[in-house]
Amino acid sequence: MINNDLRISGLASGMDIDSIVKKLMKAENIPLDKMKQDKQILEWQRDHYRDINKLLLDLKTKAFDMSLQGSYLTKLASSTNESKVTATAGSNAGNATYTMSDALLATSAHNQSIGVITKDGFDPDKSLADMKSFLNDGSTLSEDFTMTTFDQNGQPKSETFNVDPSKSLNDIFKKINDSDLGVNAFYDSATKVVSITRTDTGDMNANGSEMAFSGDFLTATLGLDSSKEEGGTDAQFTLNGLATHRHSNTFTVNGVTFNLKGNMAAGEQASINTTNDVDTVFTKIKDFVDKYNEVIEKVNDKLAEKRYRDYNPLTDAQKKDMDEKDIELWNEKAQSGLLSHDNMLSSALRKMRMNFYNPVKGVSDSGFDQLAEIGIKVSSSYRDNGKLEIDEAKLKQALSENPQAVKELFTATGESDDRQGIAQRLDQTVKDAMIGIEQKAGKSTMTDTQYFIGKRLDNMDDRIDAFQDHLTDVENRYYRQFTAMEQAIQRANQQAAYLANQFGGGQ
């Protein structure tokens, strides 16, 4: 008797052909599932390599920064009287102490109009034509005018502007302010005064005014007079006993930039000290070492991961019978160990360790040729797999007493590897490792044909496509065979019915 589960009403055979074919195709699909699993493993492996490359990129960035000499020559400047003077020190500043007294701030030249707009209601945002009644009788609103100022070296520079009656006063002031004259002009409605001030401080023209006006619009219409100018003054101060002056309140001496904040009273002074910025450089080196240790740990974890070969990637059918948490846990096992004992990564780690361990030749005259001499050494625990440890006190002492030697240890640029600084070596080693990984696993901007795993994935896709075409042919063949069977059964049934009718018809 035929199982009811296989019966489809209306078929000659009484069999569920779709169900039978589906079960037959399930077995045929096993090789396809295996190819898809193999493809998934390749994709996971590619992604793991790319994750390693992201870590290496972060380390390379740190190594490059540490290969720059400026990273080690940071200076710190402090003032005992910051309300009157502050300072910053450039990398070329020496360790020194400066004493400042008698400081007077530099000021900017200033001029303002004299009683030309006396009526209430003048609006600097409305056109000059509309506002003419508020200006002096006979005011000129349609001619050019010229302004002249002087630069830091006392050299004059002039610009000419056009007066357009359809424009407002503020429109004209914007052109003046946006020019290279270095002035700021505005109209104050409360006092009905036009104000023009130099944006730079200092006495730029010892022989006269710093802002010269030419043209009736400035002189007659706005009432500006160069002779009424309040000239700018230079900053005056005594530095280490030398009385001197500068145009600006901010100036640089021996790599130290001073910024005057206020006038000093008689007898008032400030001490400015410049020293090596040990803490900042220490933090940079520590961040560099921490990033190296992070890379060492994470890459070693990948190399030591156990491979669970019984945990293959799940098929779509398997996922249907599992919840999300179970799928996640399964995938963790399935992805484990895909980079286990990877020769390329192992080689990169060995080279990075040697970059740190080997002495730097040619720099011993400056003081240090090994990291251990400045307090950076390999951890004594074998479980740390070559991580570095920092003796904070020893490193800070080296940075304080001989920052130049520390700089050379990291940044030396010899022609051979053994003469290159630690950061220089590591930068190149990491770059080479990243190129190797990229050749194998590519990056997101590459096509599959540009890297090794991608080519394998392309090949896998071709095999999957071909096998799917094969499965379609197999499925069609099964249906043709069952269709032929159905037709044969139907003919047999028809013959049986005919014979039964013939034999039973005489009764």
Protein backbone atom coordinates (compact mmCIF):
# COMPACT_ATOMS: atom_id res chain seq x y z
CA MET A 1 0.00 0.00 0.00
CA ILE A 2 1.33 3.46 -0.91
CA ASN A 3 2.02 5.83 1.98
CA ASN A 4 -0.59 8.59 2.21
CA ASP A 5 2.23 11.13 2.68
CA LEU A 6 3.26 10.50 -0.95
CA ARG A 7 -0.22 10.68 -2.42
CA ILE A 8 -1.41 13.63 -4.50
CA SER A 9 -5.06 13.54 -5.46
CA GLY A 10 -5.63 13.39 -9.21
CA LEU A 11 -2.27 11.83 -10.16
CA ALA A 12 -2.41 8.53 -12.00
CA SER A 13 0.09 6.99 -9.62
CA GLY A 14 -1.30 8.55 -6.50
CA MET A 15 2.24 9.69 -5.63
CA ASP A 16 3.40 13.20 -4.43
CA ILE A 17 5.89 13.73 -7.21
CA ASP A 18 7.02 17.22 -6.01
CA SER A 19 7.84 15.83 -2.58
CA ILE A 20 9.71 12.87 -4.04
CA VAL A 21 11.77 15.09 -6.35
CA LYS A 22 12.49 17.47 -3.48
CA LYS A 23 13.87 14.60 -1.39
CA LEU A 24 15.92 13.32 -4.28
CA MET A 25 17.34 16.82 -4.91
CA LYS A 26 18.30 17.18 -1.27
CA ALA A 27 20.92 14.51 -1.77
CA GLU A 28 21.99 16.03 -5.06
CA ASN A 29 22.50 19.39 -3.31
CA ILE A 30 25.08 18.08 -0.83
CA PRO A 31 28.08 18.99 -3.06
CA LEU A 32 26.59 22.45 -3.60
CA ASP A 33 26.26 23.00 0.16
CA LYS A 34 29.89 21.99 0.55
CA MET A 35 31.02 24.49 -2.08
CA LYS A 36 29.01 27.26 -0.39
CA GLN A 37 30.59 26.35 2.95
CA ASP A 38 34.04 26.48 1.41
CA LYS A 39 33.22 29.89 -0.04
CA GLN A 40 32.03 31.14 3.35
CA ILE A 41 35.27 29.99 4.97
CA LEU A 42 37.27 31.92 2.36
CA GLU A 43 35.18 35.05 2.97
CA TRP A 44 35.68 34.76 6.74
CA GLN A 45 39.41 34.26 6.28
CA ARG A 46 39.59 37.29 3.98
CA ASP A 47 37.75 39.42 6.54
CA HIS A 48 40.04 38.26 9.36
CA TYR A 49 43.09 39.25 7.34
CA ARG A 50 41.55 42.66 6.65
CA ASP A 51 40.88 43.15 10.37
CA ILE A 52 44.56 42.47 11.01
CA ASN A 53 45.48 45.03 8.36
CA LYS A 54 43.36 47.67 10.11
CA LEU A 55 45.34 47.02 13.28
CA LEU A 56 48.60 47.23 11.37
CA LEU A 57 47.53 50.50 9.75
CA ASP A 58 46.99 52.02 13.21
CA LEU A 59 50.43 50.81 14.26
CA LYS A 60 52.02 52.11 11.05
CA THR A 61 50.49 55.53 11.67
CA LYS A 62 51.99 55.55 15.17
CA ALA A 63 55.35 54.36 13.84
CA PHE A 64 55.38 57.08 11.18
CA ASP A 65 54.59 59.76 13.75
CA MET A 66 57.38 58.46 15.97
CA SER A 67 59.82 58.54 13.05
CA LEU A 68 59.41 62.34 12.85
CA GLN A 69 62.05 64.25 14.78
CA GLY A 70 59.59 66.87 15.97
CA SER A 71 57.77 64.25 18.05
CA TYR A 72 60.68 64.18 20.53
CA LEU A 73 61.64 67.85 20.76
CA THR A 74 58.44 69.20 22.29
CA LYS A 75 59.12 72.03 24.69
CA LEU A 76 57.16 73.39 27.62
CA ALA A 77 57.03 77.07 28.58
CA SER A 78 55.64 78.46 31.85
CA SER A 79 55.16 81.96 33.22
CA THR A 80 55.07 83.12 36.83
CA ASN A 81 52.74 85.99 35.87
CA GLU A 82 50.29 84.72 33.28
CA SER A 83 47.96 87.69 33.65
CA LYS A 84 50.69 89.83 32.07
CA VAL A 85 52.61 87.43 29.81
CA THR A 86 52.33 83.85 28.58
CA ALA A 87 54.70 81.88 26.37
CA THR A 88 54.94 78.81 24.14
CA ALA A 89 58.18 77.14 23.13
CA GLY A 90 58.95 75.70 19.71
CA SER A 91 61.02 72.57 19.18
CA ASN A 92 64.06 74.73 18.43
CA ALA A 93 63.90 76.56 21.77
CA GLY A 94 66.61 75.86 24.30
CA ASN A 95 66.05 75.21 27.98
CA ALA A 96 66.30 78.70 29.46
CA THR A 97 64.84 81.26 31.86
CA TYR A 98 63.72 84.72 30.76
CA THR A 99 62.86 87.63 33.05
CA MET A 100 60.45 90.27 31.72
CA SER A 101 59.60 93.64 33.28
CA ASP A 102 58.32 97.14 32.31
CA ALA A 103 55.90 95.60 29.80
CA LEU A 104 53.49 97.96 28.04
CA LEU A 105 51.00 96.59 25.48
CA ALA A 106 51.12 97.53 21.84
CA THR A 107 48.04 99.42 20.59
CA SER A 108 46.38 99.90 17.20
CA ALA A 109 46.02 103.18 15.32
CA HIS A 110 42.47 104.57 15.46
CA ASN A 111 40.49 107.35 13.81
CA GLN A 112 36.88 108.46 13.93
CA SER A 113 34.58 110.92 12.20
CA ILE A 114 33.65 114.33 13.57
CA GLY A 115 29.97 115.34 13.63
CA VAL A 116 28.90 114.74 10.05
CA ILE A 117 25.85 112.61 10.86
CA THR A 118 23.89 114.57 13.44
CA LYS A 119 20.30 113.61 12.66
CA ASP A 120 18.55 110.61 14.20
CA GLY A 121 17.39 107.86 11.89
CA PHE A 122 20.47 107.22 9.75
CA ASP A 123 20.49 103.54 8.78
CA PRO A 124 23.87 102.17 7.58
CA ASP A 125 22.10 99.22 5.93
CA LYS A 126 20.02 101.41 3.60
CA SER A 127 21.28 102.87 0.33
CA LEU A 128 23.32 106.06 0.48
CA ALA A 129 20.85 107.68 -1.91
CA ASP A 130 18.01 107.06 0.54
CA MET A 131 20.11 108.29 3.48
CA LYS A 132 21.54 111.42 1.79
CA SER A 133 19.30 113.77 3.80
CA PHE A 134 21.01 112.59 7.00
CA LEU A 135 24.47 113.51 5.70
CA ASN A 136 26.17 116.89 5.27
CA ASP A 137 24.75 119.15 2.60
CA GLY A 138 26.60 118.63 -0.64
CA SER A 139 27.85 115.18 0.36
CA THR A 140 29.57 113.35 -2.48
CA LEU A 141 28.02 109.96 -3.19
CA SER A 142 29.41 109.01 -6.59
CA GLU A 143 33.18 109.34 -6.70
CA ASP A 144 36.10 107.05 -5.94
CA PHE A 145 38.16 107.37 -2.78
CA THR A 146 41.55 105.98 -1.74
CA MET A 147 42.89 104.71 1.56
CA THR A 148 46.56 104.16 2.39
CA THR A 149 48.02 102.16 5.28
CA PHE A 150 51.50 100.93 6.21
CA ASP A 151 52.73 97.36 6.71
CA GLN A 152 55.02 95.95 9.42
CA ASN A 153 58.06 97.26 7.54
CA GLY A 154 56.66 100.76 7.17
CA GLN A 155 55.88 100.32 3.47
CA PRO A 156 52.70 102.03 2.21
CA LYS A 157 49.89 100.15 0.46
CA SER A 158 46.86 101.83 -1.09
CA GLU A 159 43.48 100.73 -2.43
CA THR A 160 40.83 102.68 -4.30
CA PHE A 161 37.10 102.09 -3.81
CA ASN A 162 34.05 103.15 -5.79
CA VAL A 163 31.09 104.90 -4.15
CA ASP A 164 27.80 103.55 -5.51
CA PRO A 165 24.73 105.49 -4.22
CA SER A 166 22.62 102.36 -4.53
CA LYS A 167 24.82 100.64 -1.94
CA SER A 168 24.70 101.13 1.80
CA LEU A 169 27.43 102.46 4.05
CA ASN A 170 27.89 98.98 5.49
CA ASP A 171 28.37 97.64 1.95
CA ILE A 172 31.24 100.08 1.44
CA PHE A 173 32.74 99.27 4.84
CA LYS A 174 32.64 95.56 4.00
CA LYS A 175 34.76 96.20 0.90
CA ILE A 176 37.23 98.18 3.00
CA ASN A 177 37.35 95.54 5.73
CA ASP A 178 37.77 92.70 3.19
CA SER A 179 40.68 94.45 1.49
CA ASP A 180 44.39 94.02 2.26
CA LEU A 181 44.60 97.36 4.04
CA GLY A 182 44.30 95.76 7.48
CA VAL A 183 41.58 97.97 8.90
CA ASN A 184 38.19 97.56 10.53
CA ALA A 185 35.59 100.25 9.77
CA PHE A 186 32.08 100.53 11.20
CA TYR A 187 29.33 103.05 12.00
CA ASP A 188 28.11 103.34 15.59
CA SER A 189 24.48 104.47 15.65
CA ALA A 190 24.57 105.35 19.36
CA THR A 191 27.27 108.00 18.93
CA LYS A 192 26.66 108.67 15.20
CA VAL A 193 30.37 108.17 14.61
CA VAL A 194 32.35 106.33 11.93
CA SER A 195 35.26 104.40 13.46
CA ILE A 196 38.30 103.00 11.61
CA THR A 197 40.95 100.97 13.45
CA ARG A 198 44.05 99.12 12.27
CA THR A 199 43.77 95.37 12.76
CA ASP A 200 47.51 95.18 13.55
CA THR A 201 49.09 96.81 16.55
CA GLY A 202 52.22 98.94 16.60
CA ASP A 203 53.62 102.17 15.21
CA MET A 204 53.86 101.40 11.49
CA ASN A 205 54.72 104.93 10.30
CA ALA A 206 57.01 106.84 12.60
CA ASN A 207 56.87 109.89 10.31
CA GLY A 208 53.11 110.37 10.23
CA SER A 209 49.66 108.84 10.40
CA GLU A 210 49.12 105.14 9.71
CA MET A 211 45.87 105.66 7.76
CA ALA A 212 45.69 108.30 5.03
CA PHE A 213 42.38 109.28 3.37
CA SER A 214 41.93 110.73 -0.12
CA GLY A 215 38.58 111.67 -1.65
CA ASP A 216 35.62 113.76 -0.51
CA PHE A 217 33.53 110.75 0.48
CA LEU A 218 35.89 109.90 3.35
CA THR A 219 36.88 113.41 4.31
CA ALA A 220 33.82 115.59 3.64
CA THR A 221 30.93 113.11 3.63
CA LEU A 222 32.14 110.90 6.51
CA GLY A 223 34.30 113.52 8.22
CA LEU A 224 37.52 111.55 8.59
CA ASP A 225 40.73 113.53 9.08
CA SER A 226 44.14 111.81 9.07
CA SER A 227 45.55 114.49 11.38
CA LYS A 228 43.10 113.46 14.10
CA GLU A 229 44.40 109.90 14.21
CA GLU A 230 45.45 108.30 17.49
CA GLY A 231 48.59 106.52 16.35
CA GLY A 232 49.43 102.93 17.23
CA THR A 233 52.18 102.19 19.71
CA ASP A 234 54.74 99.39 19.89
CA ALA A 235 54.89 96.96 22.78
CA GLN A 236 57.61 98.05 25.20
CA PHE A 237 59.35 95.64 27.59
CA THR A 238 62.63 94.70 29.21
CA LEU A 239 63.78 91.11 28.60
CA ASN A 240 66.72 89.80 30.61
CA GLY A 241 67.84 93.38 31.19
CA LEU A 242 67.49 94.52 27.56
CA ALA A 243 64.93 97.27 26.97
CA THR A 244 63.36 96.69 23.56
CA HIS A 245 60.10 96.89 21.61
CA ARG A 246 57.97 95.04 19.03
CA HIS A 247 55.06 96.07 16.78
CA SER A 248 52.92 93.20 18.12
CA ASN A 249 52.03 91.92 21.57
CA THR A 250 53.03 88.48 20.27
CA PHE A 251 56.65 88.00 19.28
CA THR A 252 59.30 85.26 19.19
CA VAL A 253 62.77 85.23 20.71
CA ASN A 254 65.07 82.19 20.39
CA GLY A 255 62.19 79.87 19.51
CA VAL A 256 60.03 81.10 22.42
CA THR A 257 56.82 82.94 21.49
CA PHE A 258 55.79 85.53 24.08
CA ASN A 259 52.23 86.86 24.30
CA LEU A 260 51.79 90.06 26.32
CA LYS A 261 48.48 90.20 28.19
CA GLY A 262 48.63 93.39 30.22
CA ASN A 263 50.69 96.39 31.28
CA MET A 264 53.13 95.81 34.12
CA ALA A 265 53.32 98.14 37.07
CA ALA A 266 56.63 99.58 38.22
CA GLY A 267 58.72 96.80 39.77
CA GLU A 268 56.43 94.06 38.44
CA GLN A 269 58.01 91.22 36.48
CA ALA A 270 57.53 87.67 35.21
CA SER A 271 59.83 84.68 34.85
CA ILE A 272 59.37 82.49 31.78
CA ASN A 273 60.96 79.03 31.91
CA THR A 274 61.38 76.67 28.94
CA THR A 275 62.08 72.99 29.53
CA ASN A 276 61.76 69.67 27.72
CA ASP A 277 58.11 68.59 27.67
CA VAL A 278 58.88 65.18 29.13
CA ASP A 279 55.28 64.19 29.84
CA THR A 280 54.04 64.85 26.30
CA VAL A 281 56.87 62.90 24.67
CA PHE A 282 56.53 60.10 27.23
CA THR A 283 52.83 59.81 26.41
CA LYS A 284 53.60 59.60 22.67
CA ILE A 285 56.12 56.81 23.22
CA LYS A 286 53.77 54.99 25.60
CA ASP A 287 50.89 55.18 23.10
CA PHE A 288 53.24 53.79 20.44
CA VAL A 289 54.32 50.89 22.67
CA ASP A 290 50.71 50.23 23.74
CA LYS A 291 49.61 50.00 20.12
CA TYR A 292 52.48 47.62 19.34
CA ASN A 293 51.51 45.46 22.32
CA GLU A 294 47.89 45.45 21.16
CA VAL A 295 48.94 44.22 17.72
CA ILE A 296 51.21 41.57 19.22
CA GLU A 297 48.42 40.29 21.46
CA LYS A 298 45.66 40.21 18.85
CA VAL A 299 47.75 38.67 16.10
CA ASN A 300 49.12 36.05 18.49
CA ASP A 301 45.56 35.26 19.58
CA LYS A 302 44.64 34.63 15.95
CA LEU A 303 47.71 32.49 15.38
CA ALA A 304 46.94 30.38 18.47
CA GLU A 305 43.20 29.99 17.90
CA LYS A 306 41.90 26.44 17.89
CA ARG A 307 40.37 25.20 14.65
CA TYR A 308 37.06 23.38 15.22
CA ARG A 309 36.82 21.32 12.07
CA ASP A 310 33.51 19.75 13.10
CA TYR A 311 31.92 23.21 12.97
CA ASN A 312 31.36 23.93 9.30
CA PRO A 313 29.46 27.01 8.14
CA LEU A 314 25.73 26.48 8.51
CA THR A 315 23.61 25.83 5.46
CA ASP A 316 20.39 27.75 4.91
CA ALA A 317 18.41 24.65 5.84
CA GLN A 318 20.34 24.24 9.10
CA LYS A 319 19.79 27.88 10.06
CA LYS A 320 16.02 27.44 9.75
CA ASP A 321 16.07 25.02 12.67
CA MET A 322 18.18 27.27 14.97
CA ASP A 323 17.63 30.52 16.86
CA GLU A 324 19.87 33.56 16.39
CA LYS A 325 21.91 32.94 19.56
CA ASP A 326 22.67 29.36 18.58
CA ILE A 327 23.67 30.52 15.09
CA GLU A 328 25.98 33.15 16.59
CA LEU A 329 27.67 30.63 18.91
CA TRP A 330 28.04 28.12 16.08
CA ASN A 331 29.60 30.73 13.78
CA GLU A 332 32.12 31.70 16.47
CA LYS A 333 33.35 28.11 16.50
CA ALA A 334 33.22 27.84 12.71
CA GLN A 335 35.34 31.00 12.29
CA SER A 336 37.88 30.07 14.94
CA GLY A 337 41.39 29.22 13.83
CA LEU A 338 41.15 30.41 10.22
CA LEU A 339 44.49 32.20 10.65
CA SER A 340 45.99 29.59 12.96
CA HIS A 341 49.77 29.18 12.47
CA ASP A 342 49.67 31.53 9.46
CA ASN A 343 53.22 31.78 8.11
CA MET A 344 52.84 35.30 6.74
CA LEU A 345 51.60 36.73 10.05
CA SER A 346 54.13 34.75 12.07
CA SER A 347 56.95 36.12 9.93
CA ALA A 348 55.68 39.68 10.31
CA LEU A 349 55.62 39.34 14.11
CA ARG A 350 59.16 37.98 14.17
CA LYS A 351 60.41 40.92 12.10
CA MET A 352 58.58 43.44 14.30
CA ARG A 353 60.13 41.92 17.42
CA MET A 354 63.59 42.14 15.83
CA ASN A 355 62.94 45.79 14.97
CA PHE A 356 62.64 46.49 18.68
CA TYR A 357 65.30 44.10 20.00
CA ASN A 358 68.25 44.80 17.69
CA PRO A 359 70.53 47.74 18.54
CA VAL A 360 70.68 50.79 16.27
CA LYS A 361 74.19 51.12 14.91
CA GLY A 362 75.83 54.49 14.43
CA VAL A 363 73.99 56.34 17.22
CA SER A 364 75.89 55.13 20.29
CA ASP A 365 77.89 58.38 20.36
CA SER A 366 74.65 60.25 21.12
CA GLY A 367 73.96 58.09 24.16
CA PHE A 368 71.57 55.19 23.44
CA ASP A 369 71.47 52.41 20.86
CA GLN A 370 68.98 50.00 22.51
CA LEU A 371 65.50 50.46 23.94
CA ALA A 372 66.49 48.80 27.21
CA GLU A 373 68.82 51.72 27.89
CA ILE A 374 65.85 54.10 28.09
CA GLY A 375 63.60 51.77 30.11
CA ILE A 376 61.75 49.84 27.38
CA LYS A 377 62.29 46.08 27.50
CA VAL A 378 60.62 42.79 26.63
CA SER A 379 58.27 41.36 29.21
CA SER A 380 59.81 38.54 31.23
CA SER A 381 56.59 36.51 31.03
CA TYR A 382 56.50 34.03 28.16
CA ARG A 383 52.71 34.39 28.12
CA ASP A 384 53.13 37.97 26.85
CA ASN A 385 54.64 36.71 23.57
CA GLY A 386 57.20 39.49 23.33
CA LYS A 387 55.19 42.45 24.58
CA LEU A 388 57.14 45.49 25.72
CA GLU A 389 57.21 46.98 29.21
CA ILE A 390 58.09 50.58 30.10
CA ASP A 391 60.05 51.69 33.16
CA GLU A 392 58.37 55.09 33.47
CA ALA A 393 60.99 56.65 35.73
CA LYS A 394 63.90 55.52 33.55
CA LEU A 395 62.28 56.68 30.31
CA LYS A 396 61.36 60.07 31.74
CA GLN A 397 64.89 60.50 33.04
CA ALA A 398 66.27 59.80 29.56
CA LEU A 399 63.81 62.25 28.00
CA SER A 400 64.75 64.92 30.51
CA GLU A 401 68.52 64.48 30.38
CA ASN A 402 69.14 63.50 26.76
CA PRO A 403 66.07 63.96 24.52
CA GLN A 404 68.31 64.21 21.45
CA ALA A 405 69.66 60.68 22.03
CA VAL A 406 66.14 59.30 22.50
CA LYS A 407 65.12 60.99 19.27
CA GLU A 408 68.04 59.42 17.38
CA LEU A 409 67.23 55.97 18.76
CA PHE A 410 63.79 56.13 17.15
CA THR A 411 64.36 58.32 14.08
CA ALA A 412 67.88 57.55 12.76
CA THR A 413 67.86 57.24 8.94
CA GLY A 414 70.68 54.94 7.92
CA GLU A 415 70.96 53.20 4.58
CA SER A 416 70.84 49.71 6.12
CA ASP A 417 68.25 48.28 8.50
CA ASP A 418 70.71 48.03 11.39
CA ARG A 419 71.37 51.77 11.14
CA GLN A 420 67.74 52.83 11.00
CA GLY A 421 65.88 53.99 14.09
CA ILE A 422 63.29 51.82 15.82
CA ALA A 423 60.31 53.70 14.40
CA GLN A 424 61.85 53.84 10.92
CA ARG A 425 62.38 50.07 10.90
CA LEU A 426 58.93 49.26 12.21
CA ASP A 427 57.23 51.60 9.75
CA GLN A 428 58.81 49.69 6.84
CA THR A 429 58.18 46.25 8.36
CA VAL A 430 54.51 46.99 8.96
CA LYS A 431 54.19 48.46 5.46
CA ASP A 432 55.63 45.25 3.96
CA ALA A 433 53.28 43.10 6.07
CA MET A 434 50.27 45.14 4.99
CA ILE A 435 51.23 44.81 1.33
CA GLY A 436 51.52 41.02 1.76
CA ILE A 437 48.12 40.78 3.43
CA GLU A 438 46.60 43.04 0.79
CA GLN A 439 47.95 40.83 -1.98
CA LYS A 440 46.31 37.85 -0.31
CA ALA A 441 43.09 39.31 1.11
CA GLY A 442 42.72 42.61 -0.74
CA LYS A 443 40.79 45.58 0.60
CA SER A 444 37.25 46.85 0.21
CA THR A 445 38.09 49.02 -2.80
CA MET A 446 39.54 46.10 -4.80
CA THR A 447 37.76 43.75 -7.16
CA ASP A 448 38.08 40.00 -6.56
CA THR A 449 40.46 39.64 -9.48
CA GLN A 450 43.05 41.87 -7.76
CA TYR A 451 43.98 39.57 -4.86
CA PHE A 452 44.57 35.88 -4.22
CA ILE A 453 41.54 34.98 -2.11
CA GLY A 454 39.34 37.05 -4.40
CA LYS A 455 40.45 34.98 -7.39
CA ARG A 456 39.60 31.82 -5.48
CA LEU A 457 36.19 33.28 -4.63
CA ASP A 458 35.61 34.09 -8.29
CA ASN A 459 36.53 30.53 -9.22
CA MET A 460 34.23 29.24 -6.48
CA ASP A 461 31.36 31.34 -7.84
CA ASP A 462 31.91 29.88 -11.30
CA ARG A 463 31.85 26.34 -9.90
CA ILE A 464 28.70 27.09 -7.89
CA ASP A 465 26.96 28.58 -10.94
CA ALA A 466 27.92 25.56 -13.06
CA PHE A 467 26.75 23.12 -10.41
CA GLN A 468 23.46 24.96 -10.00
CA ASP A 469 22.93 24.60 -13.76
CA HIS A 470 23.72 20.90 -13.36
CA LEU A 471 21.14 20.60 -10.55
CA THR A 472 18.54 22.24 -12.74
CA ASP A 473 19.24 19.63 -15.41
CA VAL A 474 19.01 16.81 -12.83
CA GLU A 475 15.73 18.12 -11.46
CA ASN A 476 14.30 18.43 -14.98
CA ARG A 477 15.42 14.85 -15.69
CA TYR A 478 13.65 13.53 -12.58
CA TYR A 479 10.47 15.32 -13.58
CA ARG A 480 10.71 13.94 -17.13
CA GLN A 481 11.15 10.44 -15.73
CA PHE A 482 8.19 10.77 -13.36
CA THR A 483 6.12 12.34 -16.11
CA ALA A 484 6.89 9.33 -18.33
CA MET A 485 5.95 7.02 -15.44
CA GLU A 486 2.69 8.88 -14.90
CA GLN A 487 1.86 8.66 -18.57
CA ALA A 488 2.64 4.90 -18.59
CA ILE A 489 0.49 4.31 -15.51
CA GLN A 490 -2.27 6.38 -17.02
CA ARG A 491 -2.17 4.28 -20.22
CA ALA A 492 -2.11 1.09 -18.16
CA ASN A 493 -5.06 2.29 -16.12
CA GLN A 494 -6.93 3.15 -19.28
CA GLN A 495 -6.21 -0.31 -20.76
CA ALA A 496 -7.26 -2.00 -17.53
CA ALA A 497 -10.45 -0.04 -17.49
CA TYR A 498 -11.11 -0.96 -21.11
CA LEU A 499 -10.51 -4.64 -20.52
CA ALA A 500 -12.64 -4.60 -17.40
CA ASN A 501 -15.39 -2.99 -19.36
CA GLN A 502 -15.07 -5.57 -22.14
CA PHE A 503 -15.08 -8.57 -19.83
CA GLY A 504 -17.77 -7.25 -17.62
CA GLY A 505 -19.99 -5.85 -20.31
CA GLY A 506 -21.75 -9.17 -21.16
CA GLN A 507 -23.09 -9.69 -17.61
